[in-house]
């Protein structure tokens, strides 16, 4: 087996490595150039506490007519 340092083949290996690194850098720049970053709107939570009218809700539930009539005797 030949030593690549002595035979001059190391130049080919270095060129291959450098070309792979250059291609990776070019793909990185291409992905960042064409990637459109959209501005995200800041979401704000409603911090005001709404007072619920519990009494009206319970009155409405009681006044609603029921669809089904329960049997007087269970089987």
PDB file of N, CA and C in Angstrom:
ATOM      1  N   UNK A   1       0.847  -1.172   0.000  1.00  0.00           N
ATOM      2  CA  UNK A   1       0.000   0.000   0.000  1.00  0.00           C
ATOM      3  C   UNK A   1       0.894   1.237   0.000  1.00  0.00           C
ATOM      4  N   UNK A   2       0.508   2.188  -0.806  1.00  0.00           N
ATOM      5  CA  UNK A   2       1.332   3.389  -0.942  1.00  0.00           C
ATOM      6  C   UNK A   2       0.936   4.427   0.097  1.00  0.00           C
ATOM      7  N   UNK A   3       1.886   5.156   0.563  1.00  0.00           N
ATOM      8  CA  UNK A   3       1.642   6.232   1.510  1.00  0.00           C
ATOM      9  C   UNK A   3       1.156   7.453   0.725  1.00  0.00           C
ATOM     10  N   UNK A   4      -0.079   7.979   1.023  1.00  0.00           N
ATOM     11  CA  UNK A   4      -0.587   9.111   0.234  1.00  0.00           C
ATOM     12  C   UNK A   4       0.229  10.385   0.418  1.00  0.00           C
ATOM     13  N   UNK A   5       0.945  10.492   1.528  1.00  0.00           N
ATOM     14  CA  UNK A   5       1.768  11.680   1.745  1.00  0.00           C
ATOM     15  C   UNK A   5       2.992  11.676   0.832  1.00  0.00           C
ATOM     16  N   UNK A   6       3.523  10.505   0.543  1.00  0.00           N
ATOM     17  CA  UNK A   6       4.708  10.412  -0.290  1.00  0.00           C
ATOM     18  C   UNK A   6       4.371  10.399  -1.770  1.00  0.00           C
ATOM     19  N   UNK A   7       3.230   9.801  -2.138  1.00  0.00           N
ATOM     20  CA  UNK A   7       2.914   9.652  -3.557  1.00  0.00           C
ATOM     21  C   UNK A   7       2.234  10.881  -4.143  1.00  0.00           C
ATOM     22  N   UNK A   8       1.835  11.848  -3.328  1.00  0.00           N
ATOM     23  CA  UNK A   8       1.218  13.056  -3.854  1.00  0.00           C
ATOM     24  C   UNK A   8      -0.295  12.976  -3.947  1.00  0.00           C
ATOM     25  N   UNK A   9      -0.889  11.874  -3.482  1.00  0.00           N
ATOM     26  CA  UNK A   9      -2.350  11.744  -3.533  1.00  0.00           C
ATOM     27  C   UNK A   9      -3.045  12.561  -2.449  1.00  0.00           C
ATOM     28  N   UNK A  10      -2.274  13.044  -1.492  1.00  0.00           N
ATOM     29  CA  UNK A  10      -2.881  13.815  -0.403  1.00  0.00           C
ATOM     30  C   UNK A  10      -3.528  15.071  -0.937  1.00  0.00           C
ATOM     31  N   UNK A  11      -2.999  15.587  -2.038  1.00  0.00           N
ATOM     32  CA  UNK A  11      -3.571  16.784  -2.659  1.00  0.00           C
ATOM     33  C   UNK A  11      -5.016  16.509  -3.087  1.00  0.00           C
ATOM     34  N   UNK A  12      -5.277  15.333  -3.613  1.00  0.00           N
ATOM     35  CA  UNK A  12      -6.636  14.986  -4.046  1.00  0.00           C
ATOM     36  C   UNK A  12      -7.585  14.870  -2.850  1.00  0.00           C
ATOM     37  N   UNK A  13      -7.091  14.310  -1.749  1.00  0.00           N
ATOM     38  CA  UNK A  13      -7.918  14.166  -0.561  1.00  0.00           C
ATOM     39  C   UNK A  13      -8.258  15.531   0.043  1.00  0.00           C
ATOM     40  N   UNK A  14      -7.274  16.408   0.074  1.00  0.00           N
ATOM     41  CA  UNK A  14      -7.512  17.748   0.609  1.00  0.00           C
ATOM     42  C   UNK A  14      -8.485  18.503  -0.279  1.00  0.00           C
ATOM     43  N   UNK A  15      -8.347  18.389  -1.583  1.00  0.00           N
ATOM     44  CA  UNK A  15      -9.280  19.055  -2.504  1.00  0.00           C
ATOM     45  C   UNK A  15     -10.699  18.509  -2.340  1.00  0.00           C
ATOM     46  N   UNK A  16     -10.821  17.220  -2.148  1.00  0.00           N
ATOM     47  CA  UNK A  16     -12.140  16.617  -1.929  1.00  0.00           C
ATOM     48  C   UNK A  16     -12.760  17.148  -0.641  1.00  0.00           C
ATOM     49  N   UNK A  17     -11.980  17.193   0.425  1.00  0.00           N
ATOM     50  CA  UNK A  17     -12.479  17.688   1.704  1.00  0.00           C
ATOM     51  C   UNK A  17     -12.887  19.158   1.602  1.00  0.00           C
ATOM     52  N   UNK A  18     -12.052  19.968   0.976  1.00  0.00           N
ATOM     53  CA  UNK A  18     -12.349  21.395   0.830  1.00  0.00           C
ATOM     54  C   UNK A  18     -13.588  21.594  -0.031  1.00  0.00           C
ATOM     55  N   UNK A  19     -13.745  20.816  -1.081  1.00  0.00           N
ATOM     56  CA  UNK A  19     -14.925  20.971  -1.947  1.00  0.00           C
ATOM     57  C   UNK A  19     -16.203  20.592  -1.197  1.00  0.00           C
ATOM     58  N   UNK A  20     -16.144  19.561  -0.347  1.00  0.00           N
ATOM     59  CA  UNK A  20     -17.322  19.183   0.435  1.00  0.00           C
ATOM     60  C   UNK A  20     -17.672  20.291   1.413  1.00  0.00           C
ATOM     61  N   UNK A  21     -16.687  20.880   2.064  1.00  0.00           N
ATOM     62  CA  UNK A  21     -16.934  21.968   3.009  1.00  0.00           C
ATOM     63  C   UNK A  21     -17.504  23.187   2.291  1.00  0.00           C
ATOM     64  N   UNK A  22     -16.991  23.509   1.117  1.00  0.00           N
ATOM     65  CA  UNK A  22     -17.501  24.650   0.345  1.00  0.00           C
ATOM     66  C   UNK A  22     -18.943  24.411  -0.076  1.00  0.00           C
ATOM     67  N   UNK A  23     -19.250  23.217  -0.492  1.00  0.00           N
ATOM     68  CA  UNK A  23     -20.631  22.905  -0.883  1.00  0.00           C
ATOM     69  C   UNK A  23     -21.560  23.023   0.316  1.00  0.00           C
ATOM     70  N   UNK A  24     -21.125  22.562   1.495  1.00  0.00           N
ATOM     71  CA  UNK A  24     -21.951  22.694   2.695  1.00  0.00           C
ATOM     72  C   UNK A  24     -22.184  24.165   3.041  1.00  0.00           C
ATOM     73  N   UNK A  25     -21.162  24.985   2.916  1.00  0.00           N
ATOM     74  CA  UNK A  25     -21.301  26.414   3.204  1.00  0.00           C
ATOM     75  C   UNK A  25     -22.243  27.070   2.211  1.00  0.00           C
ATOM     76  N   UNK A  26     -22.130  26.706   0.935  1.00  0.00           N
ATOM     77  CA  UNK A  26     -23.033  27.275  -0.075  1.00  0.00           C
ATOM     78  C   UNK A  26     -24.486  26.894   0.186  1.00  0.00           C
ATOM     79  N   UNK A  27     -24.733  25.637   0.571  1.00  0.00           N
ATOM     80  CA  UNK A  27     -26.101  25.230   0.894  1.00  0.00           C
ATOM     81  C   UNK A  27     -26.624  25.974   2.121  1.00  0.00           C
ATOM     82  N   UNK A  28     -25.756  26.224   3.092  1.00  0.00           N
ATOM     83  CA  UNK A  28     -26.171  26.975   4.271  1.00  0.00           C
ATOM     84  C   UNK A  28     -26.570  28.397   3.895  1.00  0.00           C
ATOM     85  N   UNK A  29     -25.748  29.069   3.087  1.00  0.00           N
ATOM     86  CA  UNK A  29     -26.074  30.429   2.663  1.00  0.00           C
ATOM     87  C   UNK A  29     -27.331  30.466   1.803  1.00  0.00           C
ATOM     88  N   UNK A  30     -27.502  29.468   0.929  1.00  0.00           N
ATOM     89  CA  UNK A  30     -28.692  29.428   0.081  1.00  0.00           C
ATOM     90  C   UNK A  30     -29.948  29.224   0.919  1.00  0.00           C
ATOM     91  N   UNK A  31     -29.853  28.394   1.949  1.00  0.00           N
ATOM     92  CA  UNK A  31     -31.042  28.154   2.779  1.00  0.00           C
ATOM     93  C   UNK A  31     -31.389  29.380   3.607  1.00  0.00           C
ATOM     94  N   UNK A  32     -30.389  30.146   4.030  1.00  0.00           N
ATOM     95  CA  UNK A  32     -30.694  31.345   4.819  1.00  0.00           C
ATOM     96  C   UNK A  32     -31.137  32.494   3.939  1.00  0.00           C
ATOM     97  N   UNK A  33     -30.682  32.552   2.706  1.00  0.00           N
ATOM     98  CA  UNK A  33     -31.093  33.640   1.811  1.00  0.00           C
ATOM     99  C   UNK A  33     -32.546  33.507   1.381  1.00  0.00           C
ATOM    100  N   UNK A  34     -32.934  32.298   1.018  1.00  0.00           N
ATOM    101  CA  UNK A  34     -34.273  32.092   0.472  1.00  0.00           C
ATOM    102  C   UNK A  34     -35.309  31.756   1.528  1.00  0.00           C
ATOM    103  N   UNK A  35     -34.908  31.690   2.776  1.00  0.00           N
ATOM    104  CA  UNK A  35     -35.842  31.409   3.859  1.00  0.00           C
ATOM    105  C   UNK A  35     -36.437  32.736   4.331  1.00  0.00           C
ATOM    106  N   UNK A  36     -37.701  32.969   4.001  1.00  0.00           N
ATOM    107  CA  UNK A  36     -38.369  34.203   4.406  1.00  0.00           C
ATOM    108  C   UNK A  36     -38.829  34.074   5.850  1.00  0.00           C
ATOM    109  N   UNK A  37     -38.344  34.963   6.679  1.00  0.00           N
ATOM    110  CA  UNK A  37     -38.721  34.955   8.085  1.00  0.00           C
ATOM    111  C   UNK A  37     -39.894  35.906   8.259  1.00  0.00           C
ATOM    112  N   UNK A  38     -41.005  35.369   8.700  1.00  0.00           N
ATOM    113  CA  UNK A  38     -42.204  36.171   8.883  1.00  0.00           C
ATOM    114  C   UNK A  38     -42.208  36.765  10.286  1.00  0.00           C
ATOM    115  N   UNK A  39     -42.733  37.977  10.375  1.00  0.00           N
ATOM    116  CA  UNK A  39     -42.862  38.598  11.684  1.00  0.00           C
ATOM    117  C   UNK A  39     -44.058  37.983  12.403  1.00  0.00           C
ATOM    118  N   UNK A  40     -43.816  37.491  13.578  1.00  0.00           N
ATOM    119  CA  UNK A  40     -44.871  36.853  14.364  1.00  0.00           C
ATOM    120  C   UNK A  40     -45.451  37.901  15.296  1.00  0.00           C
ATOM    121  N   UNK A  41     -46.777  38.023  15.249  1.00  0.00           N
ATOM    122  CA  UNK A  41     -47.432  38.990  16.112  1.00  0.00           C
ATOM    123  C   UNK A  41     -47.426  38.486  17.552  1.00  0.00           C
ATOM    124  N   UNK A  42     -47.195  39.404  18.455  1.00  0.00           N
ATOM    125  CA  UNK A  42     -47.175  39.039  19.859  1.00  0.00           C
ATOM    126  C   UNK A  42     -48.600  38.803  20.336  1.00  0.00           C
ATOM    127  N   UNK A  43     -48.821  37.675  20.973  1.00  0.00           N
ATOM    128  CA  UNK A  43     -50.148  37.343  21.466  1.00  0.00           C
ATOM    129  C   UNK A  43     -50.294  37.865  22.884  1.00  0.00           C
ATOM    130  N   UNK A  44     -51.402  38.500  23.123  1.00  0.00           N
ATOM    131  CA  UNK A  44     -51.670  39.041  24.445  1.00  0.00           C
ATOM    132  C   UNK A  44     -52.899  38.358  25.019  1.00  0.00           C
ATOM    133  N   UNK A  45     -52.780  37.973  26.262  1.00  0.00           N
ATOM    134  CA  UNK A  45     -53.895  37.325  26.923  1.00  0.00           C
ATOM    135  C   UNK A  45     -54.792  38.384  27.562  1.00  0.00           C
ATOM    136  N   UNK A  46     -56.063  38.074  27.591  1.00  0.00           N
ATOM    137  CA  UNK A  46     -57.017  38.970  28.215  1.00  0.00           C
ATOM    138  C   UNK A  46     -56.867  38.848  29.725  1.00  0.00           C
ATOM    139  N   UNK A  47     -56.429  39.934  30.339  1.00  0.00           N
ATOM    140  CA  UNK A  47     -56.199  39.897  31.786  1.00  0.00           C
ATOM    141  C   UNK A  47     -57.390  40.400  32.586  1.00  0.00           C
ATOM    142  N   UNK A  48     -58.392  40.908  31.901  1.00  0.00           N
ATOM    143  CA  UNK A  48     -59.569  41.394  32.621  1.00  0.00           C
ATOM    144  C   UNK A  48     -60.460  40.219  32.975  1.00  0.00           C
ATOM    145  N   UNK A  49     -60.880  40.197  34.217  1.00  0.00           N
ATOM    146  CA  UNK A  49     -61.735  39.117  34.690  1.00  0.00           C
ATOM    147  C   UNK A  49     -63.189  39.515  34.469  1.00  0.00           C
ATOM    148  N   UNK A  50     -63.884  38.659  33.735  1.00  0.00           N
ATOM    149  CA  UNK A  50     -65.303  38.924  33.483  1.00  0.00           C
ATOM    150  C   UNK A  50     -66.128  38.274  34.582  1.00  0.00           C
ATOM    151  N   UNK A  51     -67.093  38.999  35.060  1.00  0.00           N
ATOM    152  CA  UNK A  51     -67.965  38.455  36.095  1.00  0.00           C
ATOM    153  C   UNK A  51     -69.068  37.640  35.427  1.00  0.00           C
ATOM    154  N   UNK A  52     -69.133  36.410  35.797  1.00  0.00           N
ATOM    155  CA  UNK A  52     -70.153  35.539  35.226  1.00  0.00           C
ATOM    156  C   UNK A  52     -71.396  35.609  36.091  1.00  0.00           C
ATOM    157  N   UNK A  53     -72.476  35.582  35.430  1.00  0.00           N
ATOM    158  CA  UNK A  53     -73.743  35.616  36.145  1.00  0.00           C
ATOM    159  C   UNK A  53     -74.200  34.181  36.367  1.00  0.00           C
ATOM    160  N   UNK A  54     -73.819  33.650  37.485  1.00  0.00           N
ATOM    161  CA  UNK A  54     -74.110  32.268  37.812  1.00  0.00           C
ATOM    162  C   UNK A  54     -75.600  32.090  38.086  1.00  0.00           C
ATOM    163  N   UNK A  55     -76.203  33.066  38.702  1.00  0.00           N
ATOM    164  CA  UNK A  55     -77.614  32.946  39.038  1.00  0.00           C
ATOM    165  C   UNK A  55     -78.483  32.832  37.799  1.00  0.00           C
ATOM    166  N   UNK A  56     -78.221  33.634  36.797  1.00  0.00           N
ATOM    167  CA  UNK A  56     -79.025  33.574  35.580  1.00  0.00           C
ATOM    168  C   UNK A  56     -78.863  32.230  34.895  1.00  0.00           C
ATOM    169  N   UNK A  57     -77.667  31.685  34.925  1.00  0.00           N
ATOM    170  CA  UNK A  57     -77.418  30.407  34.276  1.00  0.00           C
ATOM    171  C   UNK A  57     -78.183  29.283  34.976  1.00  0.00           C
ATOM    172  N   UNK A  58     -78.204  29.284  36.298  1.00  0.00           N
ATOM    173  CA  UNK A  58     -78.917  28.231  37.018  1.00  0.00           C
ATOM    174  C   UNK A  58     -80.419  28.363  36.835  1.00  0.00           C
ATOM    175  N   UNK A  59     -80.904  29.595  36.750  1.00  0.00           N
ATOM    176  CA  UNK A  59     -82.336  29.808  36.533  1.00  0.00           C
ATOM    177  C   UNK A  59     -82.734  29.310  35.151  1.00  0.00           C
ATOM    178  N   UNK A  60     -81.890  29.572  34.149  1.00  0.00           N
ATOM    179  CA  UNK A  60     -82.188  29.118  32.795  1.00  0.00           C
ATOM    180  C   UNK A  60     -82.194  27.600  32.725  1.00  0.00           C
ATOM    181  N   UNK A  61     -81.277  26.945  33.409  1.00  0.00           N
ATOM    182  CA  UNK A  61     -81.239  25.487  33.405  1.00  0.00           C
ATOM    183  C   UNK A  61     -82.489  24.893  34.048  1.00  0.00           C
ATOM    184  N   UNK A  62     -82.977  25.527  35.080  1.00  0.00           N
ATOM    185  CA  UNK A  62     -84.151  24.999  35.768  1.00  0.00           C
ATOM    186  C   UNK A  62     -85.413  25.208  34.948  1.00  0.00           C
ATOM    187  N   UNK A  63     -85.479  26.277  34.200  1.00  0.00           N
ATOM    188  CA  UNK A  63     -86.696  26.570  33.459  1.00  0.00           C
ATOM    189  C   UNK A  63     -86.790  25.796  32.150  1.00  0.00           C
ATOM    190  N   UNK A  64     -85.705  25.222  31.687  1.00  0.00           N
ATOM    191  CA  UNK A  64     -85.748  24.475  30.433  1.00  0.00           C
ATOM    192  C   UNK A  64     -86.617  23.234  30.604  1.00  0.00           C
ATOM    193  N   UNK A  65     -87.355  22.930  29.568  1.00  0.00           N
ATOM    194  CA  UNK A  65     -88.194  21.730  29.597  1.00  0.00           C
ATOM    195  C   UNK A  65     -87.347  20.529  29.217  1.00  0.00           C
ATOM    196  N   UNK A  66     -87.578  19.456  29.902  1.00  0.00           N
ATOM    197  CA  UNK A  66     -86.819  18.248  29.623  1.00  0.00           C
ATOM    198  C   UNK A  66     -87.506  17.478  28.502  1.00  0.00           C
ATOM    199  N   UNK A  67     -86.704  16.885  27.655  1.00  0.00           N
ATOM    200  CA  UNK A  67     -87.235  16.144  26.513  1.00  0.00           C
ATOM    201  C   UNK A  67     -87.849  14.807  26.934  1.00  0.00           C
ATOM    202  N   UNK A  68     -87.225  14.187  27.913  1.00  0.00           N
ATOM    203  CA  UNK A  68     -87.642  12.852  28.287  1.00  0.00           C
ATOM    204  C   UNK A  68     -88.256  12.849  29.681  1.00  0.00           C
ATOM    205  N   UNK A  69     -89.260  12.033  29.798  1.00  0.00           N
ATOM    206  CA  UNK A  69     -89.895  11.882  31.098  1.00  0.00           C
ATOM    207  C   UNK A  69     -89.366  10.602  31.735  1.00  0.00           C
ATOM    208  N   UNK A  70     -88.926  10.706  32.987  1.00  0.00           N
ATOM    209  CA  UNK A  70     -88.400   9.539  33.668  1.00  0.00           C
ATOM    210  C   UNK A  70     -89.553   8.682  34.172  1.00  0.00           C
ATOM    211  N   UNK A  71     -89.267   7.420  34.236  1.00  0.00           N
ATOM    212  CA  UNK A  71     -90.301   6.495  34.699  1.00  0.00           C
ATOM    213  C   UNK A  71     -90.432   6.607  36.212  1.00  0.00           C
ATOM    214  N   UNK A  72     -91.647   6.390  36.679  1.00  0.00           N
ATOM    215  CA  UNK A  72     -91.889   6.493  38.110  1.00  0.00           C
ATOM    216  C   UNK A  72     -91.283   5.300  38.847  1.00  0.00           C
ATOM    217  N   UNK A  73     -91.250   4.210  38.195  1.00  0.00           N
ATOM    218  CA  UNK A  73     -90.756   2.996  38.832  1.00  0.00           C
ATOM    219  C   UNK A  73     -89.603   2.430  38.008  1.00  0.00           C
ATOM    220  N   UNK A  74     -88.519   2.029  38.677  1.00  0.00           N
ATOM    221  CA  UNK A  74     -87.381   1.473  37.952  1.00  0.00           C
ATOM    222  C   UNK A  74     -87.473  -0.030  37.878  1.00  0.00           C
ATOM    223  N   UNK A  75     -86.954  -0.609  36.852  1.00  0.00           N
ATOM    224  CA  UNK A  75     -86.995  -2.061  36.668  1.00  0.00           C
ATOM    225  C   UNK A  75     -85.620  -2.642  36.735  1.00  0.00           C
TER     226      UNK A  75
END
